[in-house]
Amino acid sequence: MRGMGNMQNMMKQMQKMQKKMAEAQEKLGEERIEGSAGGGMVTVVVSGHKEVVDIIIKEEVVDPEDIDMLQDLVLAATNDALKKAEELSSSTMGQFTKGMNLPGF
């Protein structure tokens, strides 16, 4: 009979952890992470869920003769923001999988 109590306890712990993971995931979505390029000429803001939510381009970097540079800056700023968002996501969600040998995490 003792094994059943342990099993129920383990299930309760898993449910608690799932709830905490869901809350952390939700908070991540509210986070705003900035990436920039060209010394702040282009800034891209992403959520913790890695969705682009804003792009800020300084007027002086807009040169109709050099669209390529602007595109490169937007690309670089986006990748910078996404990399930071990935790091935040890994450190936030990683606390739940640390020490557990879960496949797929």
Protein backbone atom coordinates (compact mmCIF):
# COMPACT_ATOMS: atom_id res chain seq x y z
CA MET A 1 0.00 0.00 0.00
CA ARG A 2 2.91 2.30 0.72
CA GLY A 3 3.81 2.54 -2.98
CA MET A 4 0.42 4.08 -3.80
CA GLY A 5 0.99 6.99 -1.43
CA ASN A 6 4.35 7.68 -3.04
CA MET A 7 2.78 7.56 -6.49
CA GLN A 8 0.03 10.03 -5.51
CA ASN A 9 2.63 12.31 -3.95
CA MET A 10 4.72 12.15 -7.11
CA MET A 11 1.68 13.00 -9.25
CA LYS A 12 0.92 16.00 -7.02
CA GLN A 13 4.52 17.18 -7.39
CA MET A 14 4.32 16.81 -11.19
CA GLN A 15 1.08 18.81 -11.31
CA LYS A 16 2.67 21.55 -9.19
CA MET A 17 5.67 21.64 -11.50
CA GLN A 18 3.46 21.77 -14.61
CA LYS A 19 1.58 24.71 -13.12
CA LYS A 20 4.84 26.53 -12.35
CA MET A 21 6.12 25.80 -15.88
CA ALA A 22 2.91 27.20 -17.40
CA GLU A 23 3.23 30.35 -15.26
CA ALA A 24 6.89 30.77 -16.24
CA GLN A 25 5.98 30.28 -19.92
CA GLU A 26 3.27 32.94 -19.61
CA LYS A 27 5.67 35.39 -17.94
CA LEU A 28 8.18 34.76 -20.72
CA GLY A 29 5.59 35.94 -23.23
CA GLU A 30 5.33 39.23 -21.37
CA GLU A 31 9.10 39.80 -21.40
CA ARG A 32 10.51 42.28 -23.91
CA ILE A 33 14.03 41.73 -25.18
CA GLU A 34 15.88 44.24 -27.35
CA GLY A 35 18.43 43.50 -29.99
CA SER A 36 20.23 46.25 -31.84
CA ALA A 37 22.66 46.86 -34.65
CA GLY A 38 24.60 49.77 -36.08
CA GLY A 39 25.21 51.25 -32.64
CA GLY A 40 21.50 51.44 -31.89
CA MET A 41 20.48 52.70 -35.33
CA VAL A 42 18.13 49.71 -35.61
CA THR A 43 16.46 48.13 -32.61
CA VAL A 44 14.25 45.06 -32.73
CA VAL A 45 12.09 44.12 -29.76
CA VAL A 46 10.92 40.53 -29.30
CA SER A 47 8.81 38.81 -26.68
CA GLY A 48 10.09 35.95 -24.56
CA HIS A 49 8.15 33.73 -26.97
CA LYS A 50 10.47 34.94 -29.75
CA GLU A 51 7.86 36.99 -31.59
CA VAL A 52 8.95 40.33 -33.05
CA VAL A 53 6.82 43.00 -31.37
CA ASP A 54 8.54 46.20 -32.47
CA ILE A 55 11.18 47.52 -34.87
CA ILE A 56 12.68 50.97 -34.34
CA ILE A 57 14.75 52.50 -37.14
CA LYS A 58 16.52 55.81 -36.61
CA GLU A 59 15.79 58.27 -39.42
CA GLU A 60 19.41 58.95 -40.23
CA VAL A 61 20.08 55.31 -41.18
CA VAL A 62 17.39 55.38 -43.89
CA ASP A 63 19.27 55.91 -47.14
CA PRO A 64 17.32 55.14 -50.34
CA GLU A 65 20.69 54.66 -52.05
CA ASP A 66 21.74 51.97 -49.58
CA ILE A 67 18.77 49.73 -48.80
CA ASP A 68 21.13 46.75 -48.44
CA MET A 69 22.79 48.23 -45.37
CA LEU A 70 19.42 48.90 -43.74
CA GLN A 71 18.28 45.34 -44.45
CA ASP A 72 21.52 43.99 -42.97
CA LEU A 73 21.04 46.10 -39.83
CA VAL A 74 17.43 44.92 -39.40
CA LEU A 75 18.56 41.32 -39.87
CA ALA A 76 21.43 41.70 -37.39
CA ALA A 77 19.22 43.40 -34.79
CA THR A 78 16.53 40.71 -35.19
CA ASN A 79 19.05 37.90 -34.76
CA ASP A 80 20.55 39.66 -31.74
CA ALA A 81 17.11 39.97 -30.10
CA LEU A 82 16.16 36.36 -30.90
CA LYS A 83 19.46 35.07 -29.49
CA LYS A 84 18.86 36.98 -26.24
CA ALA A 85 15.26 35.69 -26.10
CA GLU A 86 16.50 32.12 -26.59
CA GLU A 87 19.01 32.55 -23.74
CA LEU A 88 16.28 33.95 -21.47
CA SER A 89 13.91 31.12 -22.39
CA SER A 90 16.60 28.48 -21.79
CA SER A 91 17.54 29.86 -18.39
CA THR A 92 13.90 30.34 -17.35
CA MET A 93 12.57 26.98 -18.51
CA GLY A 94 15.84 25.12 -17.82
CA GLN A 95 15.29 25.36 -14.08
CA PHE A 96 12.38 22.91 -14.44
CA THR A 97 14.29 20.25 -16.33
CA LYS A 98 17.57 20.47 -14.40
CA GLY A 99 18.40 17.15 -12.82
CA MET A 100 15.51 15.39 -14.54
CA ASN A 101 16.17 13.03 -17.36
CA LEU A 102 13.19 13.97 -19.51
CA PRO A 103 13.29 13.10 -23.17
CA GLY A 104 12.64 16.05 -25.46
CA PHE A 105 13.76 18.74 -23.02
